[in-house]
Amino acid sequence: MAIEKIATGADIEALRKALGFNQAEMADRMGLGSRAYFTIEKSPEAVNDRHIMLAEHVALTVAVERGDRSLVPSNVADLADRFAKIRKK
């Protein structure tokens, strides 16, 4: 995945496309209505920290489901790696 970190609606849109979801599917995975999700993609001021965390959670969940680490933005993958090291102790 080319996304280093999710910060904008465009990043969330790119993530959705990389995961192979349409807007309704991504909205459902994020626990949002379709209209709210559409606004996030198209209106930069609509994106907040909650939306970013939800999108990162979706990416991590789908990566685990598919066994494909490349689906996760690098900042989330790094955090997951650090957590995995803690669990090994």
N, C-alpha and C. Protein backbone atom coordinates (compact mmCIF):
# COMPACT_ATOMS: atom_id res chain seq x y z
N MET A 1 0.84 -1.17 0.00
CA MET A 1 0.00 0.00 0.00
C MET A 1 0.88 1.24 0.00
N ALA A 2 0.50 2.23 -0.74
CA ALA A 2 1.30 3.43 -0.88
C ALA A 2 1.04 4.46 0.21
N ILE A 3 0.03 4.25 1.02
CA ILE A 3 -0.32 5.23 2.05
C ILE A 3 0.59 5.06 3.27
N GLU A 4 1.30 6.11 3.60
CA GLU A 4 2.16 6.10 4.78
C GLU A 4 1.32 6.30 6.04
N LYS A 5 0.42 7.25 5.96
CA LYS A 5 -0.42 7.60 7.10
C LYS A 5 -1.72 8.20 6.56
N ILE A 6 -2.83 7.86 7.18
CA ILE A 6 -4.11 8.41 6.77
C ILE A 6 -4.28 9.77 7.44
N ALA A 7 -4.52 10.80 6.63
CA ALA A 7 -4.68 12.13 7.19
C ALA A 7 -5.82 12.93 6.53
N THR A 8 -6.26 12.49 5.36
CA THR A 8 -7.26 13.26 4.61
C THR A 8 -8.35 12.34 4.07
N GLY A 9 -9.40 12.96 3.58
CA GLY A 9 -10.45 12.20 2.92
C GLY A 9 -9.93 11.47 1.69
N ALA A 10 -8.99 12.10 0.99
CA ALA A 10 -8.39 11.45 -0.18
C ALA A 10 -7.62 10.20 0.23
N ASP A 11 -6.96 10.24 1.38
CA ASP A 11 -6.25 9.06 1.90
C ASP A 11 -7.24 7.94 2.22
N ILE A 12 -8.36 8.31 2.83
CA ILE A 12 -9.38 7.31 3.17
C ILE A 12 -9.96 6.71 1.89
N GLU A 13 -10.17 7.54 0.89
CA GLU A 13 -10.66 7.05 -0.41
C GLU A 13 -9.65 6.09 -1.04
N ALA A 14 -8.37 6.46 -1.00
CA ALA A 14 -7.34 5.58 -1.56
C ALA A 14 -7.28 4.26 -0.80
N LEU A 15 -7.42 4.31 0.50
CA LEU A 15 -7.44 3.09 1.31
C LEU A 15 -8.62 2.22 0.91
N ARG A 16 -9.81 2.83 0.81
CA ARG A 16 -11.01 2.09 0.42
C ARG A 16 -10.79 1.36 -0.90
N LYS A 17 -10.24 2.06 -1.86
CA LYS A 17 -10.00 1.45 -3.18
C LYS A 17 -8.97 0.34 -3.09
N ALA A 18 -7.93 0.54 -2.29
CA ALA A 18 -6.90 -0.49 -2.13
C ALA A 18 -7.48 -1.75 -1.48
N LEU A 19 -8.47 -1.56 -0.61
CA LEU A 19 -9.11 -2.70 0.05
C LEU A 19 -10.15 -3.36 -0.84
N GLY A 20 -10.50 -2.70 -1.94
CA GLY A 20 -11.47 -3.26 -2.88
C GLY A 20 -12.92 -3.07 -2.46
N PHE A 21 -13.18 -2.03 -1.65
CA PHE A 21 -14.53 -1.77 -1.18
C PHE A 21 -15.17 -0.63 -1.96
N ASN A 22 -16.49 -0.68 -2.10
CA ASN A 22 -17.20 0.49 -2.59
C ASN A 22 -17.51 1.37 -1.38
N GLN A 23 -18.08 2.54 -1.62
CA GLN A 23 -18.31 3.47 -0.51
C GLN A 23 -19.26 2.90 0.54
N ALA A 24 -20.29 2.20 0.12
CA ALA A 24 -21.24 1.63 1.08
C ALA A 24 -20.58 0.57 1.96
N GLU A 25 -19.72 -0.25 1.36
CA GLU A 25 -19.02 -1.28 2.13
C GLU A 25 -18.07 -0.66 3.15
N MET A 26 -17.33 0.37 2.73
CA MET A 26 -16.40 1.03 3.65
C MET A 26 -17.17 1.73 4.76
N ALA A 27 -18.27 2.38 4.41
CA ALA A 27 -19.10 3.04 5.42
C ALA A 27 -19.58 2.02 6.45
N ASP A 28 -20.03 0.87 5.99
CA ASP A 28 -20.50 -0.17 6.89
C ASP A 28 -19.37 -0.66 7.79
N ARG A 29 -18.21 -0.91 7.22
CA ARG A 29 -17.06 -1.37 8.02
C ARG A 29 -16.65 -0.35 9.06
N MET A 30 -16.83 0.94 8.74
CA MET A 30 -16.47 2.00 9.68
C MET A 30 -17.59 2.33 10.65
N GLY A 31 -18.76 1.74 10.44
CA GLY A 31 -19.90 2.01 11.32
C GLY A 31 -20.55 3.35 11.04
N LEU A 32 -20.47 3.79 9.79
CA LEU A 32 -21.03 5.08 9.39
C LEU A 32 -22.14 4.89 8.36
N GLY A 33 -22.98 5.87 8.23
CA GLY A 33 -23.96 5.87 7.14
C GLY A 33 -23.26 6.20 5.83
N SER A 34 -23.86 5.80 4.73
CA SER A 34 -23.26 6.06 3.42
C SER A 34 -23.08 7.54 3.15
N ARG A 35 -24.06 8.36 3.51
CA ARG A 35 -23.97 9.81 3.26
C ARG A 35 -22.82 10.41 4.07
N ALA A 36 -22.69 10.01 5.32
CA ALA A 36 -21.59 10.52 6.16
C ALA A 36 -20.25 10.12 5.57
N TYR A 37 -20.15 8.88 5.10
CA TYR A 37 -18.90 8.43 4.52
C TYR A 37 -18.57 9.21 3.25
N PHE A 38 -19.55 9.40 2.38
CA PHE A 38 -19.33 10.15 1.14
C PHE A 38 -18.80 11.54 1.46
N THR A 39 -19.35 12.18 2.49
CA THR A 39 -18.90 13.52 2.88
C THR A 39 -17.44 13.50 3.32
N ILE A 40 -17.04 12.46 4.01
CA ILE A 40 -15.64 12.34 4.46
C ILE A 40 -14.69 12.32 3.26
N GLU A 41 -15.05 11.57 2.23
CA GLU A 41 -14.17 11.49 1.05
C GLU A 41 -14.11 12.80 0.28
N LYS A 42 -15.21 13.53 0.23
CA LYS A 42 -15.30 14.69 -0.66
C LYS A 42 -15.12 16.04 0.01
N SER A 43 -15.13 16.08 1.33
CA SER A 43 -15.06 17.36 2.04
C SER A 43 -13.93 17.32 3.07
N PRO A 44 -12.78 17.93 2.76
CA PRO A 44 -11.62 17.85 3.65
C PRO A 44 -11.90 18.25 5.10
N GLU A 45 -12.76 19.23 5.30
CA GLU A 45 -13.03 19.68 6.67
C GLU A 45 -13.89 18.69 7.45
N ALA A 46 -14.46 17.70 6.77
CA ALA A 46 -15.31 16.71 7.45
C ALA A 46 -14.51 15.61 8.15
N VAL A 47 -13.24 15.45 7.80
CA VAL A 47 -12.42 14.38 8.36
C VAL A 47 -11.92 14.78 9.75
N ASN A 48 -12.13 13.88 10.71
CA ASN A 48 -11.61 14.13 12.05
C ASN A 48 -10.84 12.90 12.54
N ASP A 49 -10.28 13.00 13.72
CA ASP A 49 -9.45 11.91 14.25
C ASP A 49 -10.22 10.59 14.36
N ARG A 50 -11.48 10.67 14.71
CA ARG A 50 -12.30 9.46 14.82
C ARG A 50 -12.38 8.73 13.47
N HIS A 51 -12.60 9.48 12.40
CA HIS A 51 -12.68 8.88 11.07
C HIS A 51 -11.36 8.22 10.69
N ILE A 52 -10.28 8.87 11.02
CA ILE A 52 -8.96 8.31 10.71
C ILE A 52 -8.74 7.02 11.48
N MET A 53 -9.07 7.02 12.77
CA MET A 53 -8.90 5.79 13.57
C MET A 53 -9.80 4.67 13.07
N LEU A 54 -11.02 5.00 12.67
CA LEU A 54 -11.92 3.97 12.14
C LEU A 54 -11.37 3.38 10.85
N ALA A 55 -10.86 4.23 9.96
CA ALA A 55 -10.29 3.75 8.70
C ALA A 55 -9.07 2.87 8.96
N GLU A 56 -8.23 3.28 9.90
CA GLU A 56 -7.05 2.47 10.24
C GLU A 56 -7.47 1.12 10.82
N HIS A 57 -8.51 1.12 11.63
CA HIS A 57 -9.01 -0.12 12.21
C HIS A 57 -9.53 -1.05 11.12
N VAL A 58 -10.26 -0.49 10.16
CA VAL A 58 -10.75 -1.30 9.04
C VAL A 58 -9.57 -1.90 8.29
N ALA A 59 -8.57 -1.09 7.99
CA ALA A 59 -7.40 -1.58 7.26
C ALA A 59 -6.71 -2.72 8.01
N LEU A 60 -6.53 -2.56 9.30
CA LEU A 60 -5.88 -3.60 10.10
C LEU A 60 -6.71 -4.87 10.14
N THR A 61 -8.00 -4.73 10.32
CA THR A 61 -8.90 -5.90 10.36
C THR A 61 -8.88 -6.65 9.03
N VAL A 62 -8.97 -5.92 7.93
CA VAL A 62 -8.97 -6.56 6.61
C VAL A 62 -7.62 -7.21 6.33
N ALA A 63 -6.54 -6.56 6.73
CA ALA A 63 -5.21 -7.14 6.54
C ALA A 63 -5.08 -8.47 7.28
N VAL A 64 -5.61 -8.53 8.49
CA VAL A 64 -5.58 -9.78 9.25
C VAL A 64 -6.46 -10.84 8.58
N GLU A 65 -7.67 -10.44 8.17
CA GLU A 65 -8.58 -11.37 7.50
C GLU A 65 -7.96 -11.97 6.24
N ARG A 66 -7.26 -11.15 5.48
CA ARG A 66 -6.69 -11.59 4.20
C ARG A 66 -5.25 -12.06 4.32
N GLY A 67 -4.64 -11.87 5.48
CA GLY A 67 -3.25 -12.25 5.65
C GLY A 67 -2.32 -11.43 4.77
N ASP A 68 -2.64 -10.14 4.63
CA ASP A 68 -1.87 -9.26 3.73
C ASP A 68 -1.49 -7.97 4.45
N ARG A 69 -0.27 -7.95 4.99
CA ARG A 69 0.23 -6.81 5.74
C ARG A 69 0.30 -5.54 4.90
N SER A 70 0.42 -5.67 3.59
CA SER A 70 0.57 -4.50 2.72
C SER A 70 -0.69 -3.64 2.67
N LEU A 71 -1.81 -4.12 3.18
CA LEU A 71 -3.05 -3.35 3.16
C LEU A 71 -3.10 -2.29 4.26
N VAL A 72 -2.16 -2.35 5.18
CA VAL A 72 -2.19 -1.46 6.34
C VAL A 72 -1.25 -0.28 6.10
N PRO A 73 -1.71 0.95 6.37
CA PRO A 73 -0.79 2.09 6.29
C PRO A 73 0.43 1.85 7.19
N SER A 74 1.56 2.33 6.78
CA SER A 74 2.81 1.99 7.47
C SER A 74 2.82 2.40 8.94
N ASN A 75 2.19 3.52 9.29
CA ASN A 75 2.19 3.91 10.70
C ASN A 75 1.42 2.91 11.56
N VAL A 76 0.37 2.32 11.03
CA VAL A 76 -0.41 1.31 11.76
C VAL A 76 0.36 0.00 11.81
N ALA A 77 1.00 -0.37 10.72
CA ALA A 77 1.80 -1.61 10.69
C ALA A 77 2.94 -1.52 11.70
N ASP A 78 3.58 -0.37 11.79
CA ASP A 78 4.66 -0.19 12.76
C ASP A 78 4.16 -0.34 14.19
N LEU A 79 3.01 0.23 14.47
CA LEU A 79 2.43 0.12 15.80
C LEU A 79 2.06 -1.34 16.11
N ALA A 80 1.49 -2.04 15.14
CA ALA A 80 1.14 -3.45 15.32
C ALA A 80 2.39 -4.29 15.57
N ASP A 81 3.47 -3.99 14.87
CA ASP A 81 4.74 -4.71 15.09
C ASP A 81 5.25 -4.48 16.50
N ARG A 82 5.17 -3.24 16.97
CA ARG A 82 5.63 -2.94 18.33
C ARG A 82 4.76 -3.68 19.36
N PHE A 83 3.48 -3.74 19.12
CA PHE A 83 2.58 -4.47 20.02
C PHE A 83 2.90 -5.95 20.03
N ALA A 84 3.17 -6.51 18.87
CA ALA A 84 3.50 -7.93 18.78
C ALA A 84 4.76 -8.26 19.60
N LYS A 85 5.72 -7.35 19.61
CA LYS A 85 6.94 -7.57 20.40
C LYS A 85 6.62 -7.57 21.89
N ILE A 86 5.70 -6.72 22.31
CA ILE A 86 5.30 -6.68 23.71
C ILE A 86 4.64 -7.99 24.11
N ARG A 87 3.81 -8.51 23.25
CA ARG A 87 3.09 -9.76 23.54
C ARG A 87 4.03 -10.94 23.66
N LYS A 88 5.18 -10.88 22.99
CA LYS A 88 6.14 -11.99 23.03
C LYS A 88 6.90 -12.04 24.35
N LYS A 89 6.91 -10.95 25.09
CA LYS A 89 7.67 -10.87 26.35
C LYS A 89 6.99 -11.67 27.44
